[in-house]
């Protein structure tokens, strides 16, 4: 998969989440990837702060992409908050 998509991409996040169910049997599984620091797969279209979240709930894959600003900690906190809101909205 990494040959076709970067580690920080919606496609990889979706696949991570789908495979998580086999490891952690749960009603809700959430996968997250993204860029919290410069480098990696950063581009003009995928700047630092771009975060991908995928959630598997009742067999349905729901995903989202956000671009946050701030320090590493700020980006992580904003991602956790957004993911929690996605979960609450979906269940």
PDB file of N, CA and C in Angstrom:
ATOM      1  N   UNK A   1       0.822  -1.201   0.000  1.00  0.00           N
ATOM      2  CA  UNK A   1       0.000   0.000   0.000  1.00  0.00           C
ATOM      3  C   UNK A   1       0.866   1.265   0.000  1.00  0.00           C
ATOM      4  N   UNK A   2       2.011   1.224   0.704  1.00  0.00           N
ATOM      5  CA  UNK A   2       2.870   2.404   0.774  1.00  0.00           C
ATOM      6  C   UNK A   2       3.519   2.722  -0.570  1.00  0.00           C
ATOM      7  N   UNK A   3       3.548   1.722  -1.470  1.00  0.00           N
ATOM      8  CA  UNK A   3       4.091   1.988  -2.788  1.00  0.00           C
ATOM      9  C   UNK A   3       3.171   2.926  -3.567  1.00  0.00           C
ATOM     10  N   UNK A   4       1.885   2.875  -3.259  1.00  0.00           N
ATOM     11  CA  UNK A   4       0.898   3.666  -3.986  1.00  0.00           C
ATOM     12  C   UNK A   4       0.506   4.949  -3.244  1.00  0.00           C
ATOM     13  N   UNK A   5       0.473   4.886  -1.913  1.00  0.00           N
ATOM     14  CA  UNK A   5       0.042   6.032  -1.105  1.00  0.00           C
ATOM     15  C   UNK A   5       1.071   6.312  -0.018  1.00  0.00           C
ATOM     16  N   UNK A   6       1.118   7.545   0.440  1.00  0.00           N
ATOM     17  CA  UNK A   6       2.040   7.893   1.520  1.00  0.00           C
ATOM     18  C   UNK A   6       1.481   7.398   2.853  1.00  0.00           C
ATOM     19  N   UNK A   7       2.341   7.207   3.856  1.00  0.00           N
ATOM     20  CA  UNK A   7       1.847   6.761   5.166  1.00  0.00           C
ATOM     21  C   UNK A   7       0.805   7.709   5.760  1.00  0.00           C
ATOM     22  N   UNK A   8       0.919   8.973   5.436  1.00  0.00           N
ATOM     23  CA  UNK A   8      -0.049   9.958   5.929  1.00  0.00           C
ATOM     24  C   UNK A   8      -1.045  10.240   4.816  1.00  0.00           C
ATOM     25  N   UNK A   9      -2.030   9.362   4.678  1.00  0.00           N
ATOM     26  CA  UNK A   9      -3.046   9.522   3.633  1.00  0.00           C
ATOM     27  C   UNK A   9      -4.352   8.891   4.103  1.00  0.00           C
ATOM     28  N   UNK A  10      -5.436   9.293   3.475  1.00  0.00           N
ATOM     29  CA  UNK A  10      -6.733   8.727   3.846  1.00  0.00           C
ATOM     30  C   UNK A  10      -6.785   7.246   3.521  1.00  0.00           C
ATOM     31  N   UNK A  11      -6.172   6.852   2.402  1.00  0.00           N
ATOM     32  CA  UNK A  11      -6.197   5.448   1.994  1.00  0.00           C
ATOM     33  C   UNK A  11      -5.508   4.552   3.021  1.00  0.00           C
ATOM     34  N   UNK A  12      -4.348   4.981   3.505  1.00  0.00           N
ATOM     35  CA  UNK A  12      -3.618   4.197   4.505  1.00  0.00           C
ATOM     36  C   UNK A  12      -4.378   4.198   5.834  1.00  0.00           C
ATOM     37  N   UNK A  13      -4.953   5.328   6.195  1.00  0.00           N
ATOM     38  CA  UNK A  13      -5.727   5.405   7.438  1.00  0.00           C
ATOM     39  C   UNK A  13      -6.947   4.492   7.381  1.00  0.00           C
ATOM     40  N   UNK A  14      -7.607   4.458   6.241  1.00  0.00           N
ATOM     41  CA  UNK A  14      -8.754   3.558   6.064  1.00  0.00           C
ATOM     42  C   UNK A  14      -8.321   2.100   6.230  1.00  0.00           C
ATOM     43  N   UNK A  15      -7.226   1.724   5.581  1.00  0.00           N
ATOM     44  CA  UNK A  15      -6.742   0.343   5.646  1.00  0.00           C
ATOM     45  C   UNK A  15      -6.319  -0.016   7.073  1.00  0.00           C
ATOM     46  N   UNK A  16      -5.636   0.892   7.742  1.00  0.00           N
ATOM     47  CA  UNK A  16      -5.235   0.686   9.129  1.00  0.00           C
ATOM     48  C   UNK A  16      -6.456   0.395   9.999  1.00  0.00           C
ATOM     49  N   UNK A  17      -7.499   1.165   9.815  1.00  0.00           N
ATOM     50  CA  UNK A  17      -8.707   1.016  10.613  1.00  0.00           C
ATOM     51  C   UNK A  17      -9.400  -0.305  10.320  1.00  0.00           C
ATOM     52  N   UNK A  18      -9.479  -0.679   9.059  1.00  0.00           N
ATOM     53  CA  UNK A  18     -10.104  -1.959   8.689  1.00  0.00           C
ATOM     54  C   UNK A  18      -9.352  -3.139   9.300  1.00  0.00           C
ATOM     55  N   UNK A  19      -8.043  -3.070   9.316  1.00  0.00           N
ATOM     56  CA  UNK A  19      -7.241  -4.168   9.865  1.00  0.00           C
ATOM     57  C   UNK A  19      -7.226  -4.180  11.386  1.00  0.00           C
ATOM     58  N   UNK A  20      -7.520  -3.055  11.995  1.00  0.00           N
ATOM     59  CA  UNK A  20      -7.531  -2.942  13.449  1.00  0.00           C
ATOM     60  C   UNK A  20      -8.585  -3.852  14.073  1.00  0.00           C
ATOM     61  N   UNK A  21      -9.685  -4.049  13.381  1.00  0.00           N
ATOM     62  CA  UNK A  21     -10.784  -4.880  13.890  1.00  0.00           C
ATOM     63  C   UNK A  21     -10.315  -6.307  14.182  1.00  0.00           C
ATOM     64  N   UNK A  22      -9.404  -6.830  13.380  1.00  0.00           N
ATOM     65  CA  UNK A  22      -8.903  -8.195  13.593  1.00  0.00           C
ATOM     66  C   UNK A  22      -8.032  -8.284  14.840  1.00  0.00           C
ATOM     67  N   UNK A  23      -7.407  -7.182  15.215  1.00  0.00           N
ATOM     68  CA  UNK A  23      -6.505  -7.159  16.364  1.00  0.00           C
ATOM     69  C   UNK A  23      -7.244  -6.777  17.647  1.00  0.00           C
ATOM     70  N   UNK A  24      -8.148  -5.818  17.522  1.00  0.00           N
ATOM     71  CA  UNK A  24      -8.901  -5.320  18.675  1.00  0.00           C
ATOM     72  C   UNK A  24     -10.388  -5.412  18.340  1.00  0.00           C
ATOM     73  N   UNK A  25     -11.032  -6.509  18.719  1.00  0.00           N
ATOM     74  CA  UNK A  25     -12.464  -6.614  18.435  1.00  0.00           C
ATOM     75  C   UNK A  25     -13.239  -5.613  19.294  1.00  0.00           C
ATOM     76  N   UNK A  26     -13.796  -4.628  18.643  1.00  0.00           N
ATOM     77  CA  UNK A  26     -14.523  -3.581  19.357  1.00  0.00           C
ATOM     78  C   UNK A  26     -15.682  -3.100  18.496  1.00  0.00           C
ATOM     79  N   UNK A  27     -16.633  -2.445  19.114  1.00  0.00           N
ATOM     80  CA  UNK A  27     -17.768  -1.897  18.370  1.00  0.00           C
ATOM     81  C   UNK A  27     -17.356  -0.702  17.514  1.00  0.00           C
ATOM     82  N   UNK A  28     -16.348   0.035  17.982  1.00  0.00           N
ATOM     83  CA  UNK A  28     -15.851   1.202  17.255  1.00  0.00           C
ATOM     84  C   UNK A  28     -14.336   1.098  17.184  1.00  0.00           C
ATOM     85  N   UNK A  29     -13.792   1.196  15.974  1.00  0.00           N
ATOM     86  CA  UNK A  29     -12.332   1.235  15.786  1.00  0.00           C
ATOM     87  C   UNK A  29     -11.984   2.531  15.071  1.00  0.00           C
ATOM     88  N   UNK A  30     -10.932   3.186  15.536  1.00  0.00           N
ATOM     89  CA  UNK A  30     -10.527   4.462  14.971  1.00  0.00           C
ATOM     90  C   UNK A  30      -9.046   4.418  14.627  1.00  0.00           C
ATOM     91  N   UNK A  31      -8.721   4.859  13.421  1.00  0.00           N
ATOM     92  CA  UNK A  31      -7.336   4.972  12.990  1.00  0.00           C
ATOM     93  C   UNK A  31      -7.027   6.422  12.662  1.00  0.00           C
ATOM     94  N   UNK A  32      -5.791   6.834  12.939  1.00  0.00           N
ATOM     95  CA  UNK A  32      -5.388   8.220  12.701  1.00  0.00           C
ATOM     96  C   UNK A  32      -3.988   8.243  12.106  1.00  0.00           C
ATOM     97  N   UNK A  33      -3.798   9.034  11.071  1.00  0.00           N
ATOM     98  CA  UNK A  33      -2.470   9.350  10.564  1.00  0.00           C
ATOM     99  C   UNK A  33      -2.456  10.837  10.264  1.00  0.00           C
ATOM    100  N   UNK A  34      -1.278  11.370  10.064  1.00  0.00           N
ATOM    101  CA  UNK A  34      -1.210  12.780   9.713  1.00  0.00           C
ATOM    102  C   UNK A  34       0.164  13.363   9.889  1.00  0.00           C
ATOM    103  N   UNK A  35       0.253  14.636   9.606  1.00  0.00           N
ATOM    104  CA  UNK A  35       1.514  15.374   9.653  1.00  0.00           C
ATOM    105  C   UNK A  35       1.484  16.381  10.793  1.00  0.00           C
ATOM    106  N   UNK A  36       2.290  16.140  11.812  1.00  0.00           N
ATOM    107  CA  UNK A  36       2.358  17.093  12.929  1.00  0.00           C
ATOM    108  C   UNK A  36       3.622  17.935  12.878  1.00  0.00           C
ATOM    109  N   UNK A  37       4.576  17.538  12.039  1.00  0.00           N
ATOM    110  CA  UNK A  37       5.837  18.273  11.897  1.00  0.00           C
ATOM    111  C   UNK A  37       6.226  18.331  10.421  1.00  0.00           C
ATOM    112  N   UNK A  38       7.083  19.273  10.047  1.00  0.00           N
ATOM    113  CA  UNK A  38       7.529  19.370   8.657  1.00  0.00           C
ATOM    114  C   UNK A  38       8.283  18.112   8.220  1.00  0.00           C
ATOM    115  N   UNK A  39       8.219  17.849   6.913  1.00  0.00           N
ATOM    116  CA  UNK A  39       8.914  16.696   6.343  1.00  0.00           C
ATOM    117  C   UNK A  39       7.931  15.617   5.980  1.00  0.00           C
ATOM    118  N   UNK A  40       8.431  14.430   5.784  1.00  0.00           N
ATOM    119  CA  UNK A  40       7.547  13.325   5.424  1.00  0.00           C
ATOM    120  C   UNK A  40       6.894  13.562   4.088  1.00  0.00           C
ATOM    121  N   UNK A  41       5.595  13.393   4.030  1.00  0.00           N
ATOM    122  CA  UNK A  41       4.883  13.537   2.762  1.00  0.00           C
ATOM    123  C   UNK A  41       4.204  14.896   2.629  1.00  0.00           C
ATOM    124  N   UNK A  42       4.744  15.893   3.313  1.00  0.00           N
ATOM    125  CA  UNK A  42       4.191  17.240   3.263  1.00  0.00           C
ATOM    126  C   UNK A  42       4.267  17.806   1.841  1.00  0.00           C
ATOM    127  N   UNK A  43       3.167  18.395   1.400  1.00  0.00           N
ATOM    128  CA  UNK A  43       3.117  19.079   0.109  1.00  0.00           C
ATOM    129  C   UNK A  43       2.289  20.350   0.273  1.00  0.00           C
ATOM    130  N   UNK A  44       2.194  21.084  -0.792  1.00  0.00           N
ATOM    131  CA  UNK A  44       1.356  22.285  -0.782  1.00  0.00           C
ATOM    132  C   UNK A  44      -0.106  21.911  -0.503  1.00  0.00           C
ATOM    133  N   UNK A  45      -0.518  20.756  -0.992  1.00  0.00           N
ATOM    134  CA  UNK A  45      -1.900  20.305  -0.825  1.00  0.00           C
ATOM    135  C   UNK A  45      -2.114  19.507   0.461  1.00  0.00           C
ATOM    136  N   UNK A  46      -1.016  19.100   1.083  1.00  0.00           N
ATOM    137  CA  UNK A  46      -1.086  18.358   2.350  1.00  0.00           C
ATOM    138  C   UNK A  46      -0.052  18.973   3.296  1.00  0.00           C
ATOM    139  N   UNK A  47      -0.374  20.151   3.851  1.00  0.00           N
ATOM    140  CA  UNK A  47       0.574  20.850   4.725  1.00  0.00           C
ATOM    141  C   UNK A  47       0.644  20.220   6.120  1.00  0.00           C
ATOM    142  N   UNK A  48       1.633  20.664   6.880  1.00  0.00           N
ATOM    143  CA  UNK A  48       1.713  20.269   8.280  1.00  0.00           C
ATOM    144  C   UNK A  48       0.387  20.621   8.944  1.00  0.00           C
ATOM    145  N   UNK A  49      -0.119  19.724   9.750  1.00  0.00           N
ATOM    146  CA  UNK A  49      -1.411  19.917  10.396  1.00  0.00           C
ATOM    147  C   UNK A  49      -2.517  19.124   9.729  1.00  0.00           C
ATOM    148  N   UNK A  50      -2.221  18.514   8.566  1.00  0.00           N
ATOM    149  CA  UNK A  50      -3.216  17.687   7.889  1.00  0.00           C
ATOM    150  C   UNK A  50      -3.330  16.363   8.632  1.00  0.00           C
ATOM    151  N   UNK A  51      -4.532  16.043   9.051  1.00  0.00           N
ATOM    152  CA  UNK A  51      -4.776  14.821   9.824  1.00  0.00           C
ATOM    153  C   UNK A  51      -5.921  14.036   9.189  1.00  0.00           C
ATOM    154  N   UNK A  52      -5.734  12.721   9.148  1.00  0.00           N
ATOM    155  CA  UNK A  52      -6.731  11.814   8.579  1.00  0.00           C
ATOM    156  C   UNK A  52      -7.256  10.910   9.692  1.00  0.00           C
ATOM    157  N   UNK A  53      -8.567  10.792   9.773  1.00  0.00           N
ATOM    158  CA  UNK A  53      -9.196   9.929  10.773  1.00  0.00           C
ATOM    159  C   UNK A  53     -10.177   9.009  10.056  1.00  0.00           C
ATOM    160  N   UNK A  54     -10.125   7.731  10.394  1.00  0.00           N
ATOM    161  CA  UNK A  54     -11.089   6.758   9.883  1.00  0.00           C
ATOM    162  C   UNK A  54     -11.715   6.056  11.074  1.00  0.00           C
ATOM    163  N   UNK A  55     -13.006   5.790  10.953  1.00  0.00           N
ATOM    164  CA  UNK A  55     -13.720   5.103  12.023  1.00  0.00           C
ATOM    165  C   UNK A  55     -14.557   4.002  11.403  1.00  0.00           C
ATOM    166  N   UNK A  56     -14.489   2.823  11.991  1.00  0.00           N
ATOM    167  CA  UNK A  56     -15.312   1.705  11.560  1.00  0.00           C
ATOM    168  C   UNK A  56     -16.342   1.464  12.654  1.00  0.00           C
ATOM    169  N   UNK A  57     -17.622   1.601  12.289  1.00  0.00           N
ATOM    170  CA  UNK A  57     -18.715   1.438  13.238  1.00  0.00           C
ATOM    171  C   UNK A  57     -19.843   0.690  12.539  1.00  0.00           C
ATOM    172  N   UNK A  58     -20.243  -0.434  13.108  1.00  0.00           N
ATOM    173  CA  UNK A  58     -21.297  -1.267  12.515  1.00  0.00           C
ATOM    174  C   UNK A  58     -21.002  -1.621  11.058  1.00  0.00           C
ATOM    175  N   UNK A  59     -19.739  -1.886  10.770  1.00  0.00           N
ATOM    176  CA  UNK A  59     -19.358  -2.274   9.421  1.00  0.00           C
ATOM    177  C   UNK A  59     -19.257  -1.131   8.435  1.00  0.00           C
ATOM    178  N   UNK A  60     -19.533   0.081   8.883  1.00  0.00           N
ATOM    179  CA  UNK A  60     -19.474   1.247   8.004  1.00  0.00           C
ATOM    180  C   UNK A  60     -18.197   2.029   8.267  1.00  0.00           C
ATOM    181  N   UNK A  61     -17.468   2.332   7.204  1.00  0.00           N
ATOM    182  CA  UNK A  61     -16.246   3.122   7.316  1.00  0.00           C
ATOM    183  C   UNK A  61     -16.580   4.591   7.110  1.00  0.00           C
ATOM    184  N   UNK A  62     -16.232   5.393   8.077  1.00  0.00           N
ATOM    185  CA  UNK A  62     -16.457   6.841   8.024  1.00  0.00           C
ATOM    186  C   UNK A  62     -15.089   7.480   8.126  1.00  0.00           C
ATOM    187  N   UNK A  63     -14.805   8.438   7.248  1.00  0.00           N
ATOM    188  CA  UNK A  63     -13.490   9.075   7.341  1.00  0.00           C
ATOM    189  C   UNK A  63     -13.598  10.584   7.216  1.00  0.00           C
ATOM    190  N   UNK A  64     -12.545  11.231   7.675  1.00  0.00           N
ATOM    191  CA  UNK A  64     -12.509  12.692   7.661  1.00  0.00           C
ATOM    192  C   UNK A  64     -11.068  13.164   7.498  1.00  0.00           C
ATOM    193  N   UNK A  65     -10.928  14.355   6.963  1.00  0.00           N
ATOM    194  CA  UNK A  65      -9.615  14.991   6.793  1.00  0.00           C
ATOM    195  C   UNK A  65      -9.749  16.410   7.342  1.00  0.00           C
ATOM    196  N   UNK A  66      -8.813  16.774   8.190  1.00  0.00           N
ATOM    197  CA  UNK A  66      -8.785  18.122   8.743  1.00  0.00           C
ATOM    198  C   UNK A  66      -7.383  18.696   8.601  1.00  0.00           C
ATOM    199  N   UNK A  67      -7.298  20.015   8.580  1.00  0.00           N
ATOM    200  CA  UNK A  67      -6.007  20.700   8.629  1.00  0.00           C
ATOM    201  C   UNK A  67      -6.048  21.618   9.841  1.00  0.00           C
ATOM    202  N   UNK A  68      -5.194  21.322  10.821  1.00  0.00           N
ATOM    203  CA  UNK A  68      -5.127  22.095  12.051  1.00  0.00           C
ATOM    204  C   UNK A  68      -3.836  22.907  12.085  1.00  0.00           C
ATOM    205  N   UNK A  69      -3.814  23.891  12.935  1.00  0.00           N
ATOM    206  CA  UNK A  69      -2.617  24.727  13.091  1.00  0.00           C
ATOM    207  C   UNK A  69      -2.171  24.702  14.540  1.00  0.00           C
ATOM    208  N   UNK A  70      -0.895  25.050  14.743  1.00  0.00           N
ATOM    209  CA  UNK A  70      -0.355  25.141  16.090  1.00  0.00           C
ATOM    210  C   UNK A  70       0.825  24.218  16.281  1.00  0.00           C
ATOM    211  N   UNK A  71       1.175  24.029  17.533  1.00  0.00           N
ATOM    212  CA  UNK A  71       2.292  23.151  17.880  1.00  0.00           C
ATOM    213  C   UNK A  71       1.883  21.696  17.667  1.00  0.00           C
ATOM    214  N   UNK A  72       2.842  20.804  17.810  1.00  0.00           N
ATOM    215  CA  UNK A  72       2.546  19.373  17.704  1.00  0.00           C
ATOM    216  C   UNK A  72       1.422  19.009  18.673  1.00  0.00           C
ATOM    217  N   UNK A  73       1.555  19.478  19.904  1.00  0.00           N
ATOM    218  CA  UNK A  73       0.554  19.173  20.921  1.00  0.00           C
ATOM    219  C   UNK A  73      -0.810  19.739  20.546  1.00  0.00           C
ATOM    220  N   UNK A  74      -0.819  20.959  20.001  1.00  0.00           N
ATOM    221  CA  UNK A  74      -2.086  21.570  19.580  1.00  0.00           C
ATOM    222  C   UNK A  74      -2.761  20.734  18.503  1.00  0.00           C
ATOM    223  N   UNK A  75      -1.981  20.310  17.521  1.00  0.00           N
ATOM    224  CA  UNK A  75      -2.522  19.510  16.419  1.00  0.00           C
ATOM    225  C   UNK A  75      -3.074  18.186  16.945  1.00  0.00           C
ATOM    226  N   UNK A  76      -2.340  17.555  17.835  1.00  0.00           N
ATOM    227  CA  UNK A  76      -2.799  16.286  18.410  1.00  0.00           C
ATOM    228  C   UNK A  76      -4.087  16.490  19.209  1.00  0.00           C
ATOM    229  N   UNK A  77      -4.137  17.510  20.038  1.00  0.00           N
ATOM    230  CA  UNK A  77      -5.337  17.773  20.847  1.00  0.00           C
ATOM    231  C   UNK A  77      -6.537  18.060  19.950  1.00  0.00           C
ATOM    232  N   UNK A  78      -6.335  18.853  18.906  1.00  0.00           N
ATOM    233  CA  UNK A  78      -7.428  19.172  17.995  1.00  0.00           C
ATOM    234  C   UNK A  78      -7.912  17.920  17.256  1.00  0.00           C
ATOM    235  N   UNK A  79      -6.973  17.042  16.909  1.00  0.00           N
ATOM    236  CA  UNK A  79      -7.328  15.799  16.222  1.00  0.00           C
ATOM    237  C   UNK A  79      -8.135  14.886  17.137  1.00  0.00           C
ATOM    238  N   UNK A  80      -7.697  14.746  18.373  1.00  0.00           N
ATOM    239  CA  UNK A  80      -8.423  13.908  19.331  1.00  0.00           C
ATOM    240  C   UNK A  80      -9.834  14.458  19.542  1.00  0.00           C
ATOM    241  N   UNK A  81      -9.950  15.766  19.683  1.00  0.00           N
ATOM    242  CA  UNK A  81     -11.262  16.380  19.879  1.00  0.00           C
ATOM    243  C   UNK A  81     -12.161  16.155  18.660  1.00  0.00           C
ATOM    244  N   UNK A  82     -11.606  16.365  17.465  1.00  0.00           N
ATOM    245  CA  UNK A  82     -12.393  16.175  16.244  1.00  0.00           C
ATOM    246  C   UNK A  82     -12.803  14.712  16.078  1.00  0.00           C
ATOM    247  N   UNK A  83     -11.901  13.782  16.385  1.00  0.00           N
ATOM    248  CA  UNK A  83     -12.221  12.357  16.287  1.00  0.00           C
ATOM    249  C   UNK A  83     -13.318  11.990  17.291  1.00  0.00           C
ATOM    250  N   UNK A  84     -13.229  12.520  18.500  1.00  0.00           N
ATOM    251  CA  UNK A  84     -14.260  12.250  19.512  1.00  0.00           C
ATOM    252  C   UNK A  84     -15.613  12.784  19.056  1.00  0.00           C
ATOM    253  N   UNK A  85     -15.628  13.957  18.456  1.00  0.00           N
ATOM    254  CA  UNK A  85     -16.882  14.514  17.943  1.00  0.00           C
ATOM    255  C   UNK A  85     -17.437  13.663  16.806  1.00  0.00           C
ATOM    256  N   UNK A  86     -16.545  13.145  15.943  1.00  0.00           N
ATOM    257  CA  UNK A  86     -16.970  12.262  14.858  1.00  0.00           C
ATOM    258  C   UNK A  86     -17.602  11.001  15.420  1.00  0.00           C
ATOM    259  N   UNK A  87     -16.990  10.444  16.443  1.00  0.00           N
ATOM    260  CA  UNK A  87     -17.527   9.231  17.068  1.00  0.00           C
ATOM    261  C   UNK A  87     -18.904   9.518  17.676  1.00  0.00           C
ATOM    262  N   UNK A  88     -18.998  10.575  18.457  1.00  0.00           N
ATOM    263  CA  UNK A  88     -20.275  10.906  19.110  1.00  0.00           C
ATOM    264  C   UNK A  88     -21.377  11.181  18.097  1.00  0.00           C
ATOM    265  N   UNK A  89     -21.036  11.856  17.013  1.00  0.00           N
ATOM    266  CA  UNK A  89     -22.005  12.172  15.973  1.00  0.00           C
ATOM    267  C   UNK A  89     -22.481  10.896  15.264  1.00  0.00           C
ATOM    268  N   UNK A  90     -21.591   9.929  15.131  1.00  0.00           N
ATOM    269  CA  UNK A  90     -21.890   8.719  14.376  1.00  0.00           C
ATOM    270  C   UNK A  90     -22.633   7.656  15.165  1.00  0.00           C
ATOM    271  N   UNK A  91     -22.427   7.650  16.481  1.00  0.00           N
ATOM    272  CA  UNK A  91     -23.101   6.612  17.268  1.00  0.00           C
ATOM    273  C   UNK A  91     -24.311   7.232  17.919  1.00  0.00           C
TER     274      UNK A  91
END
